[in-house]
Amino acid sequence: MPPMDPSTSSVSVDPAALLASAPHRPLFLAGTVAVLLSMTWWTLELASLRFGWTRWPQPTVPAGWAHAVLIQYGLFPLFMFGFLMTTFPRWMDGPPVPPGRYLPVAGGVLGGYVLGTLGLLDMPVLLRVGLCLMLAGYLFGVGTLTDVLARSADRNRHGWSCLAAFYLGTLGLAIFVLRLFDPGLPSALDRLAIKLGTFGFLLPMYFTVCHRMLPFFSKNVVPGYAMWRPAWSLPLAWVLLLAHLLLDWAGLSRRLWACDLPLAALFGLHALMWKPWRCLRPGLLAVLHIAFAWLPVAFVLFAVQDLAFAVSGKHVLGLAPLHALAIGFFGSMLVAMVTRVTHGHSGRPLQMHPVPWLCFVLLQMVALLRIRAEFGGDRHLWLVIAGSGWLLAFLPWVLRSAWIYLTPRKDGKPG
């Protein structure tokens, strides 16, 4: 009698034990919850403004700030923690992260995120408690990643760069928490927290992961592909992004072009040198390159906006550059990278399934709709449509991904 295939065994599996068997399972699952929760509240908030829902409870902080903080510090970092706690030991030949170190991070950040989002319904105590819990999850998670790096044999630049981004992200979240407890502190600290989230945390983290993984993935699939991963581009990106952050926070917007033009050139150079035209098969590789293409596009828009402001003192394009970055790059790369990791760590073929394809294609449309909202017409209606589009795009992907995280690997291997 041939041995039974573990993936088809009728033996019951403890869902809790399965969820705790690998870092990406609980943290990615938590991230999928946050993906829907984030935009459900925000879309309803936008709809209340557009359609005059006078009974819709309002947050005790500016709604736009709350949206930026919870998206940047609650949604994306859950996936980042899951990715890094899986890959850090592999990148740097370090010790694996045990469940006792990643489960509290998933529980703390997601639990705080849920409480914080509920707190936006005119419940400031819940908002404070939630963000404090999120911060505790961050401190535990960053401490864990620091320990992995400290005990690793190869403390390479990608590990240091990701950890530096998480340090700045923790600082940004802590600043916002301090402001919640002491409104008498300068309101400029809120802007600093939001800018740190974008240009000191998410963007350096994303670029670092792309810098390491896109050439690597491409080389593994495309015959004769030569990896281009210059050592100089990571520190240069860091310098330019921190300069952008400080100039923007200091109100020196007329000088931002001096950072954003070089960043557009730097990211555009990487997009070209990674030869996306050679990486159109399989689809799981193509979507990584398509998602990355949004990054130079976003900074071209930033640079146009900067130059127009330097010349005329007028802000053109509104929030279009920011959402080309946030939805186009961050959102698309999230779907592309998480789908690849999910397939690879569940014993599935490294190919795009129809559900991730649907999510990815719809998300490109959502990014364009959100950019369109900045160019006249009924702006709030366009925003509601874009928010609803996000939910429509992500719902099937979230349900499929959650099912994968809660079921055994198809190849019967552990983890």
Protein backbone atom coordinates (compact mmCIF):
# COMPACT_ATOMS: atom_id res chain seq x y z
CA MET A 1 0.00 0.00 0.00
CA PRO A 2 1.50 3.41 -0.94
CA PRO A 3 2.07 5.90 1.89
CA MET A 4 -0.76 8.31 2.57
CA ASP A 5 -0.31 11.83 1.22
CA PRO A 6 -0.27 14.10 4.31
CA SER A 7 -2.11 16.83 2.44
CA THR A 8 -5.10 14.52 1.92
CA SER A 9 -5.05 12.81 5.30
CA SER A 10 -8.31 12.76 7.22
CA VAL A 11 -6.46 13.21 10.51
CA SER A 12 -7.77 16.32 12.20
CA VAL A 13 -5.39 19.24 12.58
CA ASP A 14 -5.43 21.57 15.54
CA PRO A 15 -6.01 25.02 13.97
CA ALA A 16 -4.26 26.82 16.84
CA ALA A 17 -1.17 24.63 16.55
CA LEU A 18 -1.19 25.00 12.78
CA LEU A 19 -1.47 28.77 13.01
CA ALA A 20 1.47 28.87 15.42
CA SER A 21 3.66 26.63 13.25
CA ALA A 22 5.32 29.43 11.24
CA PRO A 23 5.66 33.22 11.67
CA HIS A 24 3.91 34.12 8.44
CA ARG A 25 0.71 32.25 9.33
CA PRO A 26 -0.58 34.33 12.29
CA LEU A 27 0.93 37.60 11.12
CA PHE A 28 -0.29 37.37 7.54
CA LEU A 29 -3.71 36.26 8.79
CA ALA A 30 -3.79 39.29 11.08
CA GLY A 31 -2.80 41.46 8.13
CA THR A 32 -5.69 40.17 6.03
CA VAL A 33 -8.10 41.19 8.79
CA ALA A 34 -6.54 44.65 8.88
CA VAL A 35 -6.78 45.02 5.08
CA LEU A 36 -10.57 44.88 5.24
CA LEU A 37 -11.05 46.61 8.58
CA SER A 38 -8.96 49.62 7.55
CA MET A 39 -10.88 50.48 4.45
CA THR A 40 -14.29 49.55 5.82
CA TRP A 41 -14.04 52.30 8.43
CA TRP A 42 -12.44 54.78 6.02
CA THR A 43 -14.98 54.17 3.25
CA LEU A 44 -17.84 54.64 5.69
CA GLU A 45 -16.20 57.81 7.01
CA LEU A 46 -15.89 59.15 3.46
CA ALA A 47 -19.48 58.19 2.72
CA SER A 48 -20.64 60.05 5.84
CA LEU A 49 -18.96 63.21 4.52
CA ARG A 50 -20.31 62.77 1.00
CA PHE A 51 -23.89 61.85 1.90
CA GLY A 52 -24.27 63.82 5.14
CA TRP A 53 -24.65 61.01 7.67
CA THR A 54 -25.05 63.19 10.73
CA ARG A 55 -25.30 60.24 13.12
CA TRP A 56 -22.06 58.59 12.01
CA PRO A 57 -19.67 58.83 15.02
CA GLN A 58 -16.58 60.92 14.39
CA PRO A 59 -13.07 60.30 15.74
CA THR A 60 -11.63 62.66 18.33
CA VAL A 61 -8.56 63.19 16.12
CA PRO A 62 -8.65 64.42 12.50
CA ALA A 63 -10.04 61.56 10.42
CA GLY A 64 -7.36 61.89 7.75
CA TRP A 65 -4.59 61.62 10.34
CA ALA A 66 -6.25 58.58 11.91
CA HIS A 67 -6.52 56.94 8.47
CA ALA A 68 -2.85 57.59 7.71
CA VAL A 69 -1.59 56.37 11.09
CA LEU A 70 -3.64 53.17 11.24
CA ILE A 71 -2.95 52.21 7.63
CA GLN A 72 0.78 52.86 7.90
CA TYR A 73 1.41 51.51 11.38
CA GLY A 74 -1.30 48.85 11.60
CA LEU A 75 -2.01 47.30 8.22
CA PHE A 76 1.27 47.00 6.32
CA PRO A 77 3.53 46.22 9.32
CA LEU A 78 1.64 43.03 10.17
CA PHE A 79 2.74 41.61 6.83
CA MET A 80 6.22 43.07 7.31
CA PHE A 81 6.67 41.39 10.68
CA GLY A 82 5.48 38.09 9.20
CA PHE A 83 7.84 38.40 6.24
CA LEU A 84 10.90 39.42 8.24
CA MET A 85 10.41 36.91 11.04
CA THR A 86 10.38 34.26 8.30
CA THR A 87 13.22 35.59 6.15
CA PHE A 88 15.59 37.29 8.64
CA PRO A 89 17.10 33.97 9.80
CA ARG A 90 17.56 32.94 6.16
CA TRP A 91 19.00 36.24 4.98
CA MET A 92 21.59 36.39 7.72
CA ASP A 93 22.15 32.77 8.78
CA GLY A 94 20.57 33.43 12.15
CA PRO A 95 18.40 31.54 14.63
CA PRO A 96 14.75 30.85 13.74
CA VAL A 97 12.10 32.88 15.53
CA PRO A 98 10.12 30.70 17.98
CA PRO A 99 6.32 30.95 18.36
CA GLY A 100 6.69 32.62 21.75
CA ARG A 101 8.26 35.57 19.96
CA TYR A 102 5.95 36.05 16.97
CA LEU A 103 2.54 35.18 18.42
CA PRO A 104 2.58 38.12 20.90
CA VAL A 105 3.43 40.45 18.00
CA ALA A 106 0.45 39.24 15.96
CA GLY A 107 -1.85 39.49 18.96
CA GLY A 108 -0.56 42.85 20.14
CA VAL A 109 -0.50 44.68 16.82
CA LEU A 110 -3.79 43.23 15.52
CA GLY A 111 -5.57 43.51 18.89
CA GLY A 112 -4.44 47.10 19.23
CA TYR A 113 -5.40 47.81 15.65
CA VAL A 114 -8.93 46.50 16.13
CA LEU A 115 -9.38 48.46 19.38
CA GLY A 116 -7.89 51.58 17.78
CA THR A 117 -10.24 51.36 14.81
CA LEU A 118 -13.24 50.94 17.12
CA GLY A 119 -11.92 53.91 19.07
CA LEU A 120 -12.39 56.06 15.97
CA LEU A 121 -16.15 55.75 16.55
CA ASP A 122 -15.97 58.55 19.11
CA MET A 123 -14.38 56.32 21.78
CA PRO A 124 -11.06 58.03 22.59
CA VAL A 125 -10.20 55.69 25.47
CA LEU A 126 -10.32 52.68 23.14
CA LEU A 127 -8.19 54.57 20.63
CA ARG A 128 -5.51 55.22 23.26
CA VAL A 129 -5.58 51.69 24.61
CA GLY A 130 -5.45 50.24 21.11
CA LEU A 131 -2.46 52.27 19.98
CA CYS A 132 -0.63 51.50 23.24
CA LEU A 133 -1.19 47.80 22.59
CA MET A 134 0.04 48.23 19.03
CA LEU A 135 3.16 49.97 20.33
CA ALA A 136 3.78 47.14 22.79
CA GLY A 137 3.55 44.67 19.88
CA TYR A 138 6.04 46.77 17.93
CA LEU A 139 8.53 46.88 20.80
CA PHE A 140 8.33 43.12 21.25
CA GLY A 141 8.64 42.48 17.53
CA VAL A 142 11.50 44.90 16.92
CA GLY A 143 13.28 43.47 19.95
CA THR A 144 12.92 40.01 18.44
CA LEU A 145 14.31 41.09 15.06
CA THR A 146 17.17 42.89 16.79
CA ASP A 147 18.01 39.69 18.66
CA VAL A 148 18.00 37.68 15.42
CA LEU A 149 20.36 40.15 13.79
CA ALA A 150 22.65 40.26 16.84
CA ARG A 151 22.96 36.45 16.84
CA SER A 152 23.37 36.10 13.06
CA ALA A 153 26.52 35.15 11.22
CA ASP A 154 25.90 37.47 8.25
CA ARG A 155 24.64 40.87 9.40
CA ASN A 156 24.17 42.20 5.89
CA ARG A 157 22.99 45.59 4.68
CA HIS A 158 19.46 44.40 3.94
CA GLY A 159 18.99 43.22 7.50
CA TRP A 160 20.33 46.48 8.93
CA SER A 161 18.19 48.55 6.56
CA CYS A 162 14.96 46.72 7.43
CA LEU A 163 15.71 46.99 11.13
CA ALA A 164 16.48 50.72 10.85
CA ALA A 165 13.14 51.23 9.11
CA PHE A 166 11.33 49.41 11.90
CA TYR A 167 13.13 51.54 14.52
CA LEU A 168 11.88 54.67 12.80
CA GLY A 169 8.41 53.17 12.49
CA THR A 170 8.35 52.45 16.20
CA LEU A 171 9.46 56.02 16.87
CA GLY A 172 6.70 57.40 14.64
CA LEU A 173 4.01 55.34 16.36
CA ALA A 174 5.33 56.33 19.80
CA ILE A 175 5.17 60.02 18.84
CA PHE A 176 1.52 59.70 17.83
CA VAL A 177 0.70 57.84 21.05
CA LEU A 178 2.34 60.61 23.09
CA ARG A 179 0.21 63.19 21.31
CA LEU A 180 -2.94 61.20 22.11
CA PHE A 181 -2.12 61.33 25.81
CA ASP A 182 -0.88 64.92 25.80
CA PRO A 183 -2.76 67.08 23.25
CA GLY A 184 -0.78 70.05 24.53
CA LEU A 185 2.30 68.85 22.67
CA PRO A 186 2.97 70.60 19.32
CA SER A 187 0.57 69.47 16.61
CA ALA A 188 3.54 69.32 14.25
CA LEU A 189 4.38 66.02 15.96
CA ASP A 190 1.34 64.45 14.32
CA ARG A 191 2.66 65.41 10.91
CA LEU A 192 6.07 64.06 11.87
CA ALA A 193 4.53 60.72 12.86
CA ILE A 194 2.70 60.48 9.53
CA LYS A 195 5.75 61.49 7.47
CA LEU A 196 7.93 59.03 9.39
CA GLY A 197 5.45 56.31 8.56
CA THR A 198 5.71 57.00 4.82
CA PHE A 199 9.28 58.10 4.18
CA GLY A 200 11.16 56.73 7.19
CA PHE A 201 9.39 53.41 7.63
CA LEU A 202 7.30 51.95 4.81
CA LEU A 203 9.23 53.22 1.80
CA PRO A 204 12.74 52.28 3.04
CA MET A 205 11.39 48.89 4.12
CA TYR A 206 9.68 48.20 0.81
CA PHE A 207 12.65 49.36 -1.23
CA THR A 208 15.05 47.25 0.83
CA VAL A 209 12.97 44.11 0.33
CA CYS A 210 12.62 44.82 -3.40
CA HIS A 211 16.35 45.52 -3.67
CA ARG A 212 17.10 42.09 -2.28
CA MET A 213 14.26 39.95 -3.59
CA LEU A 214 13.26 41.17 -7.08
CA PRO A 215 16.65 40.43 -8.72
CA PHE A 216 16.84 37.16 -6.76
CA PHE A 217 13.39 35.98 -7.81
CA SER A 218 14.06 37.02 -11.41
CA LYS A 219 17.38 35.15 -11.57
CA ASN A 220 15.74 32.00 -10.25
CA VAL A 221 13.19 31.99 -13.07
CA VAL A 222 14.64 33.77 -16.12
CA PRO A 223 17.46 31.94 -17.94
CA GLY A 224 20.64 33.99 -18.21
CA TYR A 225 19.29 36.77 -15.98
CA ALA A 226 22.09 38.80 -14.33
CA MET A 227 21.24 40.18 -10.89
CA TRP A 228 21.75 43.94 -10.53
CA ARG A 229 21.85 44.85 -6.85
CA PRO A 230 24.24 47.79 -6.36
CA ALA A 231 25.53 48.36 -2.83
CA TRP A 232 25.39 52.15 -3.21
CA SER A 233 21.70 52.50 -3.96
CA LEU A 234 20.34 51.56 -0.52
CA PRO A 235 22.29 54.21 1.41
CA LEU A 236 21.58 56.79 -1.29
CA ALA A 237 17.86 56.08 -1.08
CA TRP A 238 18.01 56.39 2.71
CA VAL A 239 19.75 59.79 2.53
CA LEU A 240 17.31 61.19 -0.02
CA LEU A 241 14.22 59.85 1.79
CA LEU A 242 15.31 61.23 5.15
CA ALA A 243 16.08 64.58 3.50
CA HIS A 244 12.58 64.58 1.98
CA LEU A 245 11.06 63.77 5.36
CA LEU A 246 12.90 66.56 7.18
CA LEU A 247 12.30 69.19 4.50
CA ASP A 248 8.60 68.35 4.33
CA TRP A 249 8.17 68.36 8.11
CA ALA A 250 10.05 71.65 8.39
CA GLY A 251 7.72 73.26 5.84
CA LEU A 252 10.44 73.72 3.20
CA SER A 253 8.29 72.39 0.39
CA ARG A 254 9.93 74.59 -2.23
CA ARG A 255 13.10 72.52 -1.88
CA LEU A 256 11.57 69.05 -2.04
CA TRP A 257 12.34 68.75 -5.74
CA ALA A 258 16.04 68.44 -4.84
CA CYS A 259 15.21 65.12 -3.17
CA ASP A 260 12.35 63.85 -5.28
CA LEU A 261 13.95 64.30 -8.70
CA PRO A 262 16.96 62.14 -7.75
CA LEU A 263 14.62 59.62 -6.13
CA ALA A 264 12.56 59.40 -9.32
CA ALA A 265 15.78 58.80 -11.27
CA LEU A 266 17.09 56.27 -8.74
CA PHE A 267 13.90 54.21 -8.67
CA GLY A 268 13.47 54.50 -12.43
CA LEU A 269 17.03 53.22 -12.93
CA HIS A 270 16.29 50.17 -10.79
CA ALA A 271 13.05 49.47 -12.66
CA LEU A 272 14.94 49.52 -15.98
CA MET A 273 18.00 47.61 -14.80
CA TRP A 274 15.79 44.84 -13.46
CA LYS A 275 14.56 44.28 -17.04
CA PRO A 276 10.82 43.79 -16.48
CA TRP A 277 10.31 42.95 -20.16
CA ARG A 278 12.23 39.71 -19.50
CA CYS A 279 10.12 38.92 -16.43
CA LEU A 280 6.62 38.59 -17.86
CA ARG A 281 6.43 34.85 -17.12
CA PRO A 282 5.33 33.47 -14.78
CA GLY A 283 2.65 35.93 -13.68
CA LEU A 284 3.84 35.79 -10.08
CA LEU A 285 7.12 37.36 -11.20
CA ALA A 286 5.47 39.83 -13.57
CA VAL A 287 3.26 41.35 -10.87
CA LEU A 288 6.32 42.09 -8.71
CA HIS A 289 7.85 44.15 -11.51
CA ILE A 290 4.53 45.83 -12.38
CA ALA A 291 4.07 46.79 -8.74
CA PHE A 292 7.59 48.21 -8.55
CA ALA A 293 6.93 50.36 -11.63
CA TRP A 294 4.52 52.42 -9.52
CA LEU A 295 7.43 53.64 -7.39
CA PRO A 296 9.22 55.74 -10.05
CA VAL A 297 5.82 56.87 -11.37
CA ALA A 298 4.91 58.15 -7.90
CA PHE A 299 8.15 60.09 -7.57
CA VAL A 300 7.82 61.58 -11.03
CA LEU A 301 4.46 62.91 -9.83
CA PHE A 302 6.06 64.13 -6.58
CA ALA A 303 8.77 65.90 -8.57
CA VAL A 304 6.25 67.57 -10.90
CA GLN A 305 4.30 68.74 -7.86
CA ASP A 306 7.47 70.03 -6.19
CA LEU A 307 8.66 71.96 -9.22
CA ALA A 308 5.24 73.52 -9.79
CA PHE A 309 5.17 74.66 -6.15
CA ALA A 310 8.73 76.02 -6.32
CA VAL A 311 7.85 78.09 -9.41
CA SER A 312 4.28 79.20 -8.71
CA GLY A 313 3.65 78.51 -5.03
CA LYS A 314 0.63 76.41 -6.01
CA HIS A 315 0.03 72.80 -5.01
CA VAL A 316 -0.91 70.87 -8.12
CA LEU A 317 -1.86 67.18 -8.26
CA GLY A 318 -3.18 67.20 -4.68
CA LEU A 319 -2.71 63.80 -3.05
CA ALA A 320 -2.26 62.00 -6.38
CA PRO A 321 1.50 61.35 -5.89
CA LEU A 322 0.95 60.04 -2.37
CA HIS A 323 -1.73 57.59 -3.48
CA ALA A 324 0.25 56.45 -6.51
CA LEU A 325 2.80 55.49 -3.85
CA ALA A 326 0.40 54.15 -1.22
CA ILE A 327 -2.10 52.23 -3.35
CA GLY A 328 -0.09 51.74 -6.53
CA PHE A 329 3.23 50.72 -5.01
CA PHE A 330 2.57 49.70 -1.39
CA GLY A 331 -0.77 48.03 -2.13
CA SER A 332 0.25 46.28 -5.35
CA MET A 333 3.57 45.08 -3.94
CA LEU A 334 1.75 43.80 -0.86
CA VAL A 335 -0.48 41.58 -3.03
CA ALA A 336 2.44 40.46 -5.22
CA MET A 337 4.95 39.70 -2.46
CA VAL A 338 2.52 38.21 0.06
CA THR A 339 0.99 35.98 -2.62
CA ARG A 340 4.44 34.69 -3.55
CA VAL A 341 5.44 34.02 0.06
CA THR A 342 2.05 32.42 0.78
CA HIS A 343 2.33 30.08 -2.20
CA GLY A 344 5.96 29.23 -1.50
CA HIS A 345 5.35 28.46 2.17
CA SER A 346 2.18 26.43 1.60
CA GLY A 347 3.61 24.01 -0.95
CA ARG A 348 1.75 25.58 -3.87
CA PRO A 349 3.14 26.29 -7.34
CA LEU A 350 4.83 29.67 -7.67
CA GLN A 351 2.20 30.93 -10.09
CA MET A 352 -0.58 33.48 -9.91
CA HIS A 353 -3.95 31.99 -9.01
CA PRO A 354 -7.05 33.64 -10.57
CA VAL A 355 -8.02 35.20 -7.22
CA PRO A 356 -4.72 37.06 -6.71
CA TRP A 357 -4.88 38.11 -10.37
CA LEU A 358 -8.35 39.56 -9.82
CA CYS A 359 -7.19 41.42 -6.73
CA PHE A 360 -4.09 42.78 -8.44
CA VAL A 361 -5.89 43.97 -11.57
CA LEU A 362 -8.70 45.61 -9.62
CA LEU A 363 -6.16 47.30 -7.36
CA GLN A 364 -4.54 48.95 -10.40
CA MET A 365 -7.95 50.38 -11.21
CA VAL A 366 -8.43 51.53 -7.62
CA ALA A 367 -5.10 53.38 -7.75
CA LEU A 368 -6.15 55.14 -10.94
CA LEU A 369 -9.56 56.01 -9.48
CA ARG A 370 -7.94 57.49 -6.38
CA ILE A 371 -5.59 59.57 -8.50
CA ARG A 372 -8.56 60.65 -10.66
CA ALA A 373 -10.29 61.99 -7.54
CA GLU A 374 -7.73 64.81 -7.36
CA PHE A 375 -8.66 66.25 -10.75
CA GLY A 376 -12.06 67.85 -10.36
CA GLY A 377 -15.64 66.72 -10.18
CA ASP A 378 -17.33 65.24 -7.14
CA ARG A 379 -14.14 64.46 -5.21
CA HIS A 380 -15.76 62.77 -2.24
CA LEU A 381 -17.83 60.53 -4.49
CA TRP A 382 -14.67 59.43 -6.29
CA LEU A 383 -13.09 58.72 -2.90
CA VAL A 384 -16.04 56.57 -1.84
CA ILE A 385 -15.85 54.66 -5.13
CA ALA A 386 -12.10 54.10 -4.68
CA GLY A 387 -12.57 52.91 -1.08
CA SER A 388 -15.33 50.53 -2.14
CA GLY A 389 -13.11 49.31 -4.96
CA TRP A 390 -10.36 48.46 -2.45
CA LEU A 391 -12.80 46.31 -0.47
CA LEU A 392 -14.10 44.63 -3.63
CA ALA A 393 -10.56 43.92 -4.83
CA PHE A 394 -9.27 42.51 -1.56
CA LEU A 395 -12.22 40.49 -0.24
CA PRO A 396 -11.71 37.32 -2.37
CA TRP A 397 -7.92 37.51 -1.87
CA VAL A 398 -8.33 37.86 1.89
CA LEU A 399 -10.72 34.89 2.10
CA ARG A 400 -8.47 32.65 0.01
CA SER A 401 -5.34 33.70 1.89
CA ALA A 402 -6.97 33.17 5.29
CA TRP A 403 -8.03 29.67 4.25
CA ILE A 404 -4.42 28.87 3.25
CA TYR A 405 -3.04 30.09 6.59
CA LEU A 406 -5.55 27.93 8.47
CA THR A 407 -4.94 24.69 6.53
CA PRO A 408 -1.89 22.42 6.28
CA ARG A 409 0.70 22.76 3.52
CA LYS A 410 -0.28 20.97 0.32
CA ASP A 411 3.07 19.16 0.20
CA GLY A 412 2.67 17.81 3.73
CA LYS A 413 5.79 19.56 5.05
CA PRO A 414 5.76 21.29 8.44
CA GLY A 415 5.45 25.07 8.79
